[in-house]
Amino acid sequence: METNLKRITAVLGPTNTGKTHLAVETMLEYSTGILGFPLRLLAREIFDKCVNKVGKEKVALITGEEKIIPKSPKYYICTVESMPQDILVDFVAIDEIQMCADHERGHIFTDRLLNSRGEKLTMFLGSHSMKNIITSLVDNIEFVDRKRYSKLTYNGYKKISRLNPKTALIAFSTDEVYGHVPVGDSVETDPFAPRSPYAASKAGAELLVLSYFTTYGLPTLITRGGNTIGPYQYPEKVVPVFVKMYEGMNVAIPASTAAIMSASDFVSSASGGGLTLLILITFVITFRFFIKTNYKS
C-alpha cells in the first residue's frame, strides 16, 4: 500500500479530453519532470513540443529507438519502459495507465504505478476503468474526472461500396513479411514467409485489407517499407551499434526516416486500388578505418 504523503493525482477520462496536454503543461510548471508514454511516436511528438517551448538544451528524449540527452536536461520525455529510475524530479506522469492490464507490457506499467513518484507531484493518466484498481493500490490519491471535448455521434449504417470515390484504405506493412531472402531482392508478388510474430501480424493485416478490395472494391494501398534509420536511434539496431562502436567512422545514411516519409506521402496521393508497393530505399554505410600494424622481426 502507498504510504508516501507526496501529492498523487489520477486524471481519468476517455480519449480527446486533454489529459496529455494537461500533463505537459503541468510538468513545465515545475523545475524538473519525467513523462512516460506508451508509444515511441507519441513521446517524440511531445518531445518536439517541449523543445519548442523551453529549448532543446532542457529536454531529453529516451525511447527504445532514440536517445537524445543534452548535457543538463530538466525534463525527460520517454516511453514507459525507458523512464530513468535513478533520477529525482519534481514531477512524474504516466500516460495510459490502464496498460497495467496489458498481457505483454502490463508489468512495466504496474511497476511505475507502484514505484514511480515525483518529489512534489505524481500524475497517472488513463481510463476510468483503472479507478478501483488505483484506489486499492495507492493511498491518498486525488481523482480528477475529464470530459470529452468533442461529441461522438453515430451516422448510421453505410455500405463500403458507397463511400466517397476518393476514400482509400492505406496499410503500412513491412518487408519482413517475405521472411528470409538469402539471394536477390523481393518483389511485390513474392509469397509471404514471416519468421516472427511481428511480421506474421503484418502479413495478416495485409490479407484483411486486401479482402476489402476483393470483396467490396474498396481502394486499398499497402506499403512494405524497410527499417528506417535516423541519426538519434538508440544503439540496439545494427547501424547505431556500429556508429557507437567505431570512433572516427564516417557514416552516410541517405535513406533516413525522412526518405521513408516522402515515399509514404507519394503513396497516400496515389490513385487506384488493390496496390501493394515495396518501398526499396537502401542505405549506404562507409567505414574508414585507420589500422596500424606493427611487425617485429
C-alpha atoms as a PDB file:
ATOM      1  CA  MET A   1       0.000   0.000   0.000  1.00  0.00           C
ATOM      2  CA  GLU A   2       1.144   3.537  -0.742  1.00  0.00           C
ATOM      3  CA  THR A   3       2.396   5.420   2.297  1.00  0.00           C
ATOM      4  CA  ASN A   4       4.151   8.366   0.630  1.00  0.00           C
ATOM      5  CA  LEU A   5       2.440  11.651   1.521  1.00  0.00           C
ATOM      6  CA  LYS A   6       3.607  13.423  -1.615  1.00  0.00           C
ATOM      7  CA  ARG A   7       0.746  14.584  -3.797  1.00  0.00           C
ATOM      8  CA  ILE A   8      -0.573  11.967  -6.240  1.00  0.00           C
ATOM      9  CA  THR A   9      -3.374  12.513  -8.739  1.00  0.00           C
ATOM     10  CA  ALA A  10      -5.122  10.280 -11.277  1.00  0.00           C
ATOM     11  CA  VAL A  11      -6.607  12.136 -14.240  1.00  0.00           C
ATOM     12  CA  LEU A  12      -9.147   9.772 -15.765  1.00  0.00           C
ATOM     13  CA  GLY A  13     -11.410  10.028 -18.777  1.00  0.00           C
ATOM     14  CA  PRO A  14     -11.970   8.893 -22.368  1.00  0.00           C
ATOM     15  CA  THR A  15      -9.880   9.979 -25.335  1.00  0.00           C
ATOM     16  CA  ASN A  16      -9.842  13.601 -26.510  1.00  0.00           C
ATOM     17  CA  THR A  17     -10.126  15.061 -23.022  1.00  0.00           C
ATOM     18  CA  GLY A  18      -6.833  16.951 -22.932  1.00  0.00           C
ATOM     19  CA  LYS A  19      -5.157  14.684 -20.378  1.00  0.00           C
ATOM     20  CA  THR A  20      -1.809  14.613 -22.164  1.00  0.00           C
ATOM     21  CA  HIS A  21      -1.845  18.375 -22.741  1.00  0.00           C
ATOM     22  CA  LEU A  22      -2.590  18.876 -19.039  1.00  0.00           C
ATOM     23  CA  ALA A  23       0.362  16.685 -18.059  1.00  0.00           C
ATOM     24  CA  VAL A  24       2.770  18.552 -20.337  1.00  0.00           C
ATOM     25  CA  GLU A  25       1.669  21.982 -19.154  1.00  0.00           C
ATOM     26  CA  THR A  26       1.796  20.862 -15.512  1.00  0.00           C
ATOM     27  CA  MET A  27       5.298  19.409 -15.880  1.00  0.00           C
ATOM     28  CA  LEU A  28       6.642  22.631 -17.379  1.00  0.00           C
ATOM     29  CA  GLU A  29       5.403  24.495 -14.302  1.00  0.00           C
ATOM     30  CA  TYR A  30       7.946  22.543 -12.252  1.00  0.00           C
ATOM     31  CA  SER A  31      11.729  22.768 -12.378  1.00  0.00           C
ATOM     32  CA  THR A  32      12.180  19.101 -13.372  1.00  0.00           C
ATOM     33  CA  GLY A  33       9.981  16.287 -14.610  1.00  0.00           C
ATOM     34  CA  ILE A  34       9.590  12.955 -16.376  1.00  0.00           C
ATOM     35  CA  LEU A  35       6.764  11.959 -18.734  1.00  0.00           C
ATOM     36  CA  GLY A  36       6.236   8.285 -19.611  1.00  0.00           C
ATOM     37  CA  PHE A  37       4.250   7.385 -22.743  1.00  0.00           C
ATOM     38  CA  PRO A  38       3.128   4.050 -24.192  1.00  0.00           C
ATOM     39  CA  LEU A  39       4.189   4.875 -27.759  1.00  0.00           C
ATOM     40  CA  ARG A  40       7.534   5.971 -29.180  1.00  0.00           C
ATOM     41  CA  LEU A  41       5.976   8.282 -31.781  1.00  0.00           C
ATOM     42  CA  LEU A  42       3.839   9.980 -29.133  1.00  0.00           C
ATOM     43  CA  ALA A  43       6.935  10.539 -26.992  1.00  0.00           C
ATOM     44  CA  ARG A  44       8.702  12.048 -29.997  1.00  0.00           C
ATOM     45  CA  GLU A  45       5.762  14.372 -30.696  1.00  0.00           C
ATOM     46  CA  ILE A  46       5.664  15.612 -27.095  1.00  0.00           C
ATOM     47  CA  PHE A  47       9.454  15.980 -27.081  1.00  0.00           C
ATOM     48  CA  ASP A  48       9.286  18.287 -30.100  1.00  0.00           C
ATOM     49  CA  LYS A  49       6.559  20.366 -28.458  1.00  0.00           C
ATOM     50  CA  CYS A  50       8.554  20.722 -25.233  1.00  0.00           C
ATOM     51  CA  VAL A  51      11.694  21.673 -27.159  1.00  0.00           C
ATOM     52  CA  ASN A  52       9.731  24.434 -28.892  1.00  0.00           C
ATOM     53  CA  LYS A  53       8.530  25.715 -25.532  1.00  0.00           C
ATOM     54  CA  VAL A  54      11.665  25.580 -23.361  1.00  0.00           C
ATOM     55  CA  GLY A  55      14.606  24.885 -25.695  1.00  0.00           C
ATOM     56  CA  LYS A  56      16.460  21.745 -26.756  1.00  0.00           C
ATOM     57  CA  GLU A  57      19.094  22.112 -24.008  1.00  0.00           C
ATOM     58  CA  LYS A  58      16.450  21.407 -21.345  1.00  0.00           C
ATOM     59  CA  VAL A  59      14.628  18.396 -22.802  1.00  0.00           C
ATOM     60  CA  ALA A  60      15.772  14.786 -23.208  1.00  0.00           C
ATOM     61  CA  LEU A  61      14.149  12.038 -25.281  1.00  0.00           C
ATOM     62  CA  ILE A  62      14.631   8.391 -24.312  1.00  0.00           C
ATOM     63  CA  THR A  63      12.865   5.588 -26.179  1.00  0.00           C
ATOM     64  CA  GLY A  64      13.758   2.167 -27.495  1.00  0.00           C
ATOM     65  CA  GLU A  65      14.697   3.757 -30.842  1.00  0.00           C
ATOM     66  CA  GLU A  66      16.084   7.182 -29.965  1.00  0.00           C
ATOM     67  CA  LYS A  67      18.191   8.696 -27.233  1.00  0.00           C
ATOM     68  CA  ILE A  68      18.701  12.457 -27.224  1.00  0.00           C
ATOM     69  CA  ILE A  69      20.135  13.671 -23.927  1.00  0.00           C
ATOM     70  CA  PRO A  70      21.594  17.177 -23.636  1.00  0.00           C
ATOM     71  CA  LYS A  71      24.259  17.989 -21.066  1.00  0.00           C
ATOM     72  CA  SER A  72      21.917  19.047 -18.260  1.00  0.00           C
ATOM     73  CA  PRO A  73      18.280  18.232 -19.111  1.00  0.00           C
ATOM     74  CA  LYS A  74      15.459  19.348 -16.866  1.00  0.00           C
ATOM     75  CA  TYR A  75      12.698  17.298 -18.477  1.00  0.00           C
ATOM     76  CA  TYR A  76      12.711  13.711 -19.731  1.00  0.00           C
ATOM     77  CA  ILE A  77      10.222  12.530 -22.361  1.00  0.00           C
ATOM     78  CA  CYS A  78      10.273   8.736 -22.530  1.00  0.00           C
ATOM     79  CA  THR A  79       8.486   5.559 -23.344  1.00  0.00           C
ATOM     80  CA  VAL A  80       7.361   3.966 -20.092  1.00  0.00           C
ATOM     81  CA  GLU A  81       9.981   1.216 -20.381  1.00  0.00           C
ATOM     82  CA  SER A  82      12.766   3.791 -20.836  1.00  0.00           C
ATOM     83  CA  MET A  83      11.926   6.079 -17.902  1.00  0.00           C
ATOM     84  CA  PRO A  84      15.009   6.778 -15.756  1.00  0.00           C
ATOM     85  CA  GLN A  85      14.689   5.153 -12.347  1.00  0.00           C
ATOM     86  CA  ASP A  86      17.674   6.793 -10.649  1.00  0.00           C
ATOM     87  CA  ILE A  87      16.774  10.465 -11.145  1.00  0.00           C
ATOM     88  CA  LEU A  88      14.820  12.556  -8.636  1.00  0.00           C
ATOM     89  CA  VAL A  89      12.465  15.058 -10.257  1.00  0.00           C
ATOM     90  CA  ASP A  90       9.638  17.267  -9.039  1.00  0.00           C
ATOM     91  CA  PHE A  91       7.012  15.861 -11.397  1.00  0.00           C
ATOM     92  CA  VAL A  92       6.324  12.389 -12.810  1.00  0.00           C
ATOM     93  CA  ALA A  93       3.437  11.407 -15.098  1.00  0.00           C
ATOM     94  CA  ILE A  94       2.474   8.068 -16.663  1.00  0.00           C
ATOM     95  CA  ASP A  95       0.161   8.125 -19.669  1.00  0.00           C
ATOM     96  CA  GLU A  96      -2.384   5.378 -20.488  1.00  0.00           C
ATOM     97  CA  ILE A  97      -2.078   3.810 -17.057  1.00  0.00           C
ATOM     98  CA  GLN A  98      -4.757   1.251 -17.996  1.00  0.00           C
ATOM     99  CA  MET A  99      -1.910  -0.515 -19.819  1.00  0.00           C
ATOM    100  CA  CYS A 100      -1.338  -2.161 -16.429  1.00  0.00           C
ATOM    101  CA  ALA A 101      -3.764  -4.792 -17.739  1.00  0.00           C
ATOM    102  CA  ASP A 102      -1.783  -5.433 -20.927  1.00  0.00           C
ATOM    103  CA  HIS A 103      -0.592  -9.023 -21.265  1.00  0.00           C
ATOM    104  CA  GLU A 104       2.898  -8.150 -22.519  1.00  0.00           C
ATOM    105  CA  ARG A 105       3.694  -4.728 -21.051  1.00  0.00           C
ATOM    106  CA  GLY A 106       1.432  -4.628 -18.015  1.00  0.00           C
ATOM    107  CA  HIS A 107       4.182  -5.468 -15.533  1.00  0.00           C
ATOM    108  CA  ILE A 108       6.103  -2.331 -16.547  1.00  0.00           C
ATOM    109  CA  PHE A 109       3.095  -0.043 -16.141  1.00  0.00           C
ATOM    110  CA  THR A 110       2.209  -1.716 -12.832  1.00  0.00           C
ATOM    111  CA  ASP A 111       5.735  -1.141 -11.567  1.00  0.00           C
ATOM    112  CA  ARG A 112       5.505   2.544 -12.498  1.00  0.00           C
ATOM    113  CA  LEU A 113       2.103   2.783 -10.796  1.00  0.00           C
ATOM    114  CA  LEU A 114       3.532   1.381  -7.580  1.00  0.00           C
ATOM    115  CA  ASN A 115       7.012   2.879  -7.544  1.00  0.00           C
ATOM    116  CA  SER A 116       7.469   5.925  -9.823  1.00  0.00           C
ATOM    117  CA  ARG A 117       6.971   9.105  -7.837  1.00  0.00           C
ATOM    118  CA  GLY A 118       7.712  12.784  -8.253  1.00  0.00           C
ATOM    119  CA  GLU A 119       9.131  14.717  -5.334  1.00  0.00           C
ATOM    120  CA  LYS A 120       6.194  17.131  -5.495  1.00  0.00           C
ATOM    121  CA  LEU A 121       3.534  15.658  -7.805  1.00  0.00           C
ATOM    122  CA  THR A 122       2.803  12.318  -9.457  1.00  0.00           C
ATOM    123  CA  MET A 123       0.113  12.102 -12.137  1.00  0.00           C
ATOM    124  CA  PHE A 124      -1.464   9.000 -13.691  1.00  0.00           C
ATOM    125  CA  LEU A 125      -3.423   9.481 -16.914  1.00  0.00           C
ATOM    126  CA  GLY A 126      -5.854   6.961 -18.305  1.00  0.00           C
ATOM    127  CA  SER A 127      -9.259   5.350 -18.438  1.00  0.00           C
ATOM    128  CA  HIS A 128     -11.989   5.293 -15.774  1.00  0.00           C
ATOM    129  CA  SER A 129     -11.618   1.503 -15.770  1.00  0.00           C
ATOM    130  CA  MET A 130      -8.496   1.924 -13.599  1.00  0.00           C
ATOM    131  CA  LYS A 131     -10.154   3.851 -10.770  1.00  0.00           C
ATOM    132  CA  ASN A 132     -10.938   0.902  -8.491  1.00  0.00           C
ATOM    133  CA  ILE A 133      -7.549  -0.691  -9.082  1.00  0.00           C
ATOM    134  CA  ILE A 134      -5.673   2.534  -8.355  1.00  0.00           C
ATOM    135  CA  THR A 135      -7.786   3.095  -5.229  1.00  0.00           C
ATOM    136  CA  SER A 136      -6.849  -0.340  -3.883  1.00  0.00           C
ATOM    137  CA  LEU A 137      -3.126   0.093  -4.556  1.00  0.00           C
ATOM    138  CA  VAL A 138      -2.377   3.767  -3.909  1.00  0.00           C
ATOM    139  CA  ASP A 139      -3.351   5.671  -0.773  1.00  0.00           C
ATOM    140  CA  ASN A 140      -4.021   9.404  -0.508  1.00  0.00           C
ATOM    141  CA  ILE A 141      -4.725   9.853  -4.200  1.00  0.00           C
ATOM    142  CA  GLU A 142      -6.855  12.561  -5.771  1.00  0.00           C
ATOM    143  CA  PHE A 143      -9.052  11.674  -8.751  1.00  0.00           C
ATOM    144  CA  VAL A 144      -9.745  14.209 -11.484  1.00  0.00           C
ATOM    145  CA  ASP A 145     -12.537  13.480 -13.962  1.00  0.00           C
ATOM    146  CA  ARG A 146     -12.090  14.769 -17.520  1.00  0.00           C
ATOM    147  CA  LYS A 147     -14.929  15.112 -20.016  1.00  0.00           C
ATOM    148  CA  ARG A 148     -14.553  14.614 -23.758  1.00  0.00           C
ATOM    149  CA  TYR A 149     -14.117  17.853 -25.725  1.00  0.00           C
ATOM    150  CA  SER A 150     -15.870  16.605 -28.853  1.00  0.00           C
ATOM    151  CA  LYS A 151     -19.211  14.838 -29.113  1.00  0.00           C
ATOM    152  CA  LEU A 152     -19.335  11.395 -30.670  1.00  0.00           C
ATOM    153  CA  THR A 153     -22.256  10.765 -32.986  1.00  0.00           C
ATOM    154  CA  TYR A 154     -23.452   7.718 -34.895  1.00  0.00           C
ATOM    155  CA  ASN A 155     -24.295   8.363 -38.543  1.00  0.00           C
ATOM    156  CA  GLY A 156     -25.890   5.019 -39.119  1.00  0.00           C
ATOM    157  CA  TYR A 157     -25.027   2.100 -41.349  1.00  0.00           C
ATOM    158  CA  LYS A 158     -23.221   2.892 -44.585  1.00  0.00           C
ATOM    159  CA  LYS A 159     -22.115   0.459 -47.251  1.00  0.00           C
ATOM    160  CA  ILE A 160     -18.427   0.449 -48.096  1.00  0.00           C
ATOM    161  CA  SER A 161     -19.351   0.491 -51.777  1.00  0.00           C
ATOM    162  CA  ARG A 162     -20.999   3.896 -51.270  1.00  0.00           C
ATOM    163  CA  LEU A 163     -18.020   5.646 -49.713  1.00  0.00           C
ATOM    164  CA  ASN A 164     -16.606   8.765 -51.319  1.00  0.00           C
ATOM    165  CA  PRO A 165     -14.690   7.786 -54.507  1.00  0.00           C
ATOM    166  CA  LYS A 166     -11.540   9.419 -53.094  1.00  0.00           C
ATOM    167  CA  THR A 167     -11.597   7.227 -49.992  1.00  0.00           C
ATOM    168  CA  ALA A 168      -8.794   4.663 -49.722  1.00  0.00           C
ATOM    169  CA  LEU A 169      -7.527   2.304 -47.060  1.00  0.00           C
ATOM    170  CA  ILE A 170      -3.739   2.605 -46.678  1.00  0.00           C
ATOM    171  CA  ALA A 171      -1.837  -0.043 -44.708  1.00  0.00           C
ATOM    172  CA  PHE A 172       1.790   0.432 -43.690  1.00  0.00           C
ATOM    173  CA  SER A 173       3.317  -3.027 -43.584  1.00  0.00           C
ATOM    174  CA  THR A 174       6.948  -4.208 -43.552  1.00  0.00           C
ATOM    175  CA  ASP A 175       9.354  -6.006 -45.852  1.00  0.00           C
ATOM    176  CA  GLU A 176       9.734  -8.600 -43.095  1.00  0.00           C
ATOM    177  CA  VAL A 177       6.613 -10.370 -44.413  1.00  0.00           C
ATOM    178  CA  TYR A 178       8.902 -12.011 -47.000  1.00  0.00           C
ATOM    179  CA  GLY A 179      10.933 -13.744 -44.315  1.00  0.00           C
ATOM    180  CA  HIS A 180      14.484 -14.824 -45.052  1.00  0.00           C
ATOM    181  CA  VAL A 181      15.685 -13.902 -48.557  1.00  0.00           C
ATOM    182  CA  PRO A 182      19.165 -15.445 -48.984  1.00  0.00           C
ATOM    183  CA  VAL A 183      19.750 -14.287 -52.574  1.00  0.00           C
ATOM    184  CA  GLY A 184      18.496 -11.308 -54.564  1.00  0.00           C
ATOM    185  CA  ASP A 185      15.627  -8.948 -53.763  1.00  0.00           C
ATOM    186  CA  SER A 186      11.961  -9.422 -53.019  1.00  0.00           C
ATOM    187  CA  VAL A 187       9.184  -8.214 -55.301  1.00  0.00           C
ATOM    188  CA  GLU A 188       5.568  -7.428 -54.525  1.00  0.00           C
ATOM    189  CA  THR A 189       4.293 -10.750 -55.894  1.00  0.00           C
ATOM    190  CA  ASP A 190       6.564 -12.926 -53.748  1.00  0.00           C
ATOM    191  CA  PRO A 191       4.744 -15.189 -51.246  1.00  0.00           C
ATOM    192  CA  PHE A 192       4.642 -14.428 -47.529  1.00  0.00           C
ATOM    193  CA  ALA A 193       7.061 -16.316 -45.270  1.00  0.00           C
ATOM    194  CA  PRO A 194       7.159 -14.320 -41.994  1.00  0.00           C
ATOM    195  CA  ARG A 195       9.553 -15.591 -39.344  1.00  0.00           C
ATOM    196  CA  SER A 196       8.482 -13.549 -36.315  1.00  0.00           C
ATOM    197  CA  PRO A 197       5.166 -12.776 -34.587  1.00  0.00           C
ATOM    198  CA  TYR A 198       5.572  -9.134 -35.609  1.00  0.00           C
ATOM    199  CA  ALA A 199       5.981  -9.988 -39.293  1.00  0.00           C
ATOM    200  CA  ALA A 200       3.143 -12.525 -39.117  1.00  0.00           C
ATOM    201  CA  SER A 201       0.786  -9.903 -37.678  1.00  0.00           C
ATOM    202  CA  LYS A 202       1.665  -7.548 -40.533  1.00  0.00           C
ATOM    203  CA  ALA A 203       1.023 -10.283 -43.103  1.00  0.00           C
ATOM    204  CA  GLY A 204      -2.366 -10.988 -41.535  1.00  0.00           C
ATOM    205  CA  ALA A 205      -3.248  -7.284 -41.602  1.00  0.00           C
ATOM    206  CA  GLU A 206      -2.350  -7.147 -45.294  1.00  0.00           C
ATOM    207  CA  LEU A 207      -4.701 -10.036 -46.086  1.00  0.00           C
ATOM    208  CA  LEU A 208      -7.507  -8.341 -44.175  1.00  0.00           C
ATOM    209  CA  VAL A 209      -7.010  -5.102 -46.103  1.00  0.00           C
ATOM    210  CA  LEU A 210      -6.889  -6.918 -49.452  1.00  0.00           C
ATOM    211  CA  SER A 211     -10.095  -8.757 -48.611  1.00  0.00           C
ATOM    212  CA  TYR A 212     -11.943  -5.422 -48.566  1.00  0.00           C
ATOM    213  CA  PHE A 213     -10.617  -4.667 -52.038  1.00  0.00           C
ATOM    214  CA  THR A 214     -11.527  -8.111 -53.364  1.00  0.00           C
ATOM    215  CA  THR A 215     -14.968  -8.314 -51.769  1.00  0.00           C
ATOM    216  CA  TYR A 216     -16.167  -4.703 -51.727  1.00  0.00           C
ATOM    217  CA  GLY A 217     -13.934  -2.956 -54.248  1.00  0.00           C
ATOM    218  CA  LEU A 218     -12.642  -0.520 -51.609  1.00  0.00           C
ATOM    219  CA  PRO A 219      -9.476   1.174 -52.934  1.00  0.00           C
ATOM    220  CA  THR A 220      -6.506  -0.074 -50.918  1.00  0.00           C
ATOM    221  CA  LEU A 221      -2.788   0.676 -50.829  1.00  0.00           C
ATOM    222  CA  ILE A 222      -0.191  -1.365 -48.955  1.00  0.00           C
ATOM    223  CA  THR A 223       3.421  -0.316 -48.431  1.00  0.00           C
ATOM    224  CA  ARG A 224       6.228  -2.642 -47.346  1.00  0.00           C
ATOM    225  CA  GLY A 225       8.987  -0.361 -46.171  1.00  0.00           C
ATOM    226  CA  GLY A 226      12.268  -1.492 -44.687  1.00  0.00           C
ATOM    227  CA  ASN A 227      13.581  -0.451 -41.285  1.00  0.00           C
ATOM    228  CA  THR A 228      14.042   3.302 -41.123  1.00  0.00           C
ATOM    229  CA  ILE A 229      17.320   4.764 -39.963  1.00  0.00           C
ATOM    230  CA  GLY A 230      17.632   8.042 -38.076  1.00  0.00           C
ATOM    231  CA  PRO A 231      20.541   9.983 -36.559  1.00  0.00           C
ATOM    232  CA  TYR A 232      19.381   9.628 -32.948  1.00  0.00           C
ATOM    233  CA  GLN A 233      18.410   5.981 -32.730  1.00  0.00           C
ATOM    234  CA  TYR A 234      19.080   4.119 -29.529  1.00  0.00           C
ATOM    235  CA  PRO A 235      22.061   1.778 -30.083  1.00  0.00           C
ATOM    236  CA  GLU A 236      20.247  -1.523 -30.406  1.00  0.00           C
ATOM    237  CA  LYS A 237      19.850  -1.605 -34.204  1.00  0.00           C
ATOM    238  CA  VAL A 238      22.842  -2.562 -36.305  1.00  0.00           C
ATOM    239  CA  VAL A 239      23.651   0.891 -37.709  1.00  0.00           C
ATOM    240  CA  PRO A 240      23.596   2.784 -34.368  1.00  0.00           C
ATOM    241  CA  VAL A 241      25.630  -0.017 -32.801  1.00  0.00           C
ATOM    242  CA  PHE A 242      28.356   0.373 -35.435  1.00  0.00           C
ATOM    243  CA  VAL A 243      28.307   4.132 -35.027  1.00  0.00           C
ATOM    244  CA  LYS A 244      28.896   3.798 -31.302  1.00  0.00           C
ATOM    245  CA  MET A 245      31.460   1.039 -31.725  1.00  0.00           C
ATOM    246  CA  TYR A 246      33.947   2.753 -34.019  1.00  0.00           C
ATOM    247  CA  GLU A 247      35.256   6.232 -33.375  1.00  0.00           C
ATOM    248  CA  GLY A 248      36.139   8.312 -36.386  1.00  0.00           C
ATOM    249  CA  MET A 249      33.880   6.335 -38.696  1.00  0.00           C
ATOM    250  CA  ASN A 250      32.122   8.272 -41.431  1.00  0.00           C
ATOM    251  CA  VAL A 251      28.534   7.188 -41.891  1.00  0.00           C
ATOM    252  CA  ALA A 252      26.343   8.248 -44.790  1.00  0.00           C
ATOM    253  CA  ILE A 253      22.654   7.450 -44.366  1.00  0.00           C
ATOM    254  CA  PRO A 254      20.754   8.878 -47.349  1.00  0.00           C
ATOM    255  CA  ALA A 255      17.709   6.677 -46.695  1.00  0.00           C
ATOM    256  CA  SER A 256      16.552   8.103 -43.407  1.00  0.00           C
ATOM    257  CA  THR A 257      13.162   8.349 -41.783  1.00  0.00           C
ATOM    258  CA  ALA A 258      12.530  11.468 -43.877  1.00  0.00           C
ATOM    259  CA  ALA A 259      13.025   9.452 -47.082  1.00  0.00           C
ATOM    260  CA  ILE A 260      10.525   6.826 -45.973  1.00  0.00           C
ATOM    261  CA  MET A 261       8.008   9.528 -45.093  1.00  0.00           C
ATOM    262  CA  SER A 262       8.459  11.149 -48.507  1.00  0.00           C
ATOM    263  CA  ALA A 263       7.714   7.805 -50.146  1.00  0.00           C
ATOM    264  CA  SER A 264       4.682   7.387 -47.890  1.00  0.00           C
ATOM    265  CA  ASP A 265       3.407  10.814 -48.900  1.00  0.00           C
ATOM    266  CA  PHE A 266       3.655   9.712 -52.521  1.00  0.00           C
ATOM    267  CA  VAL A 267       1.712   6.543 -51.745  1.00  0.00           C
ATOM    268  CA  SER A 268      -1.055   8.432 -49.951  1.00  0.00           C
ATOM    269  CA  SER A 269      -1.552  10.629 -53.032  1.00  0.00           C
ATOM    270  CA  ALA A 270      -1.630   7.699 -55.471  1.00  0.00           C
ATOM    271  CA  SER A 271      -4.872   6.656 -57.101  1.00  0.00           C
ATOM    272  CA  GLY A 272      -6.302   3.227 -57.843  1.00  0.00           C
ATOM    273  CA  GLY A 273      -6.855   0.256 -55.603  1.00  0.00           C
ATOM    274  CA  GLY A 274      -5.503  -3.124 -54.687  1.00  0.00           C
ATOM    275  CA  LEU A 275      -1.916  -1.911 -54.992  1.00  0.00           C
ATOM    276  CA  THR A 276       0.993  -3.229 -52.976  1.00  0.00           C
ATOM    277  CA  LEU A 277       4.193  -1.201 -53.098  1.00  0.00           C
ATOM    278  CA  LEU A 278       7.561  -2.404 -51.855  1.00  0.00           C
ATOM    279  CA  ILE A 279       9.498   0.685 -50.858  1.00  0.00           C
ATOM    280  CA  LEU A 280      13.077  -0.113 -51.789  1.00  0.00           C
ATOM    281  CA  ILE A 281      15.162   2.590 -50.175  1.00  0.00           C
ATOM    282  CA  THR A 282      18.660   1.461 -49.374  1.00  0.00           C
ATOM    283  CA  PHE A 283      21.251   2.993 -47.143  1.00  0.00           C
ATOM    284  CA  VAL A 284      24.985   3.146 -47.589  1.00  0.00           C
ATOM    285  CA  ILE A 285      27.474   2.905 -44.773  1.00  0.00           C
ATOM    286  CA  THR A 286      31.016   3.962 -45.459  1.00  0.00           C
ATOM    287  CA  PHE A 287      33.653   2.800 -42.992  1.00  0.00           C
ATOM    288  CA  ARG A 288      37.041   4.418 -42.826  1.00  0.00           C
ATOM    289  CA  PHE A 289      39.439   2.538 -40.625  1.00  0.00           C
ATOM    290  CA  PHE A 290      42.986   3.556 -39.969  1.00  0.00           C
ATOM    291  CA  ILE A 291      44.658   0.321 -38.972  1.00  0.00           C
ATOM    292  CA  LYS A 292      48.156   0.474 -37.629  1.00  0.00           C
ATOM    293  CA  THR A 293      50.037  -2.802 -37.665  1.00  0.00           C
ATOM    294  CA  ASN A 294      53.399  -3.329 -36.005  1.00  0.00           C
ATOM    295  CA  TYR A 295      55.612  -6.148 -37.178  1.00  0.00           C
ATOM    296  CA  LYS A 296      58.532  -7.393 -35.211  1.00  0.00           C
ATOM    297  CA  SER A 297      61.345  -9.311 -36.888  1.00  0.00           C
END
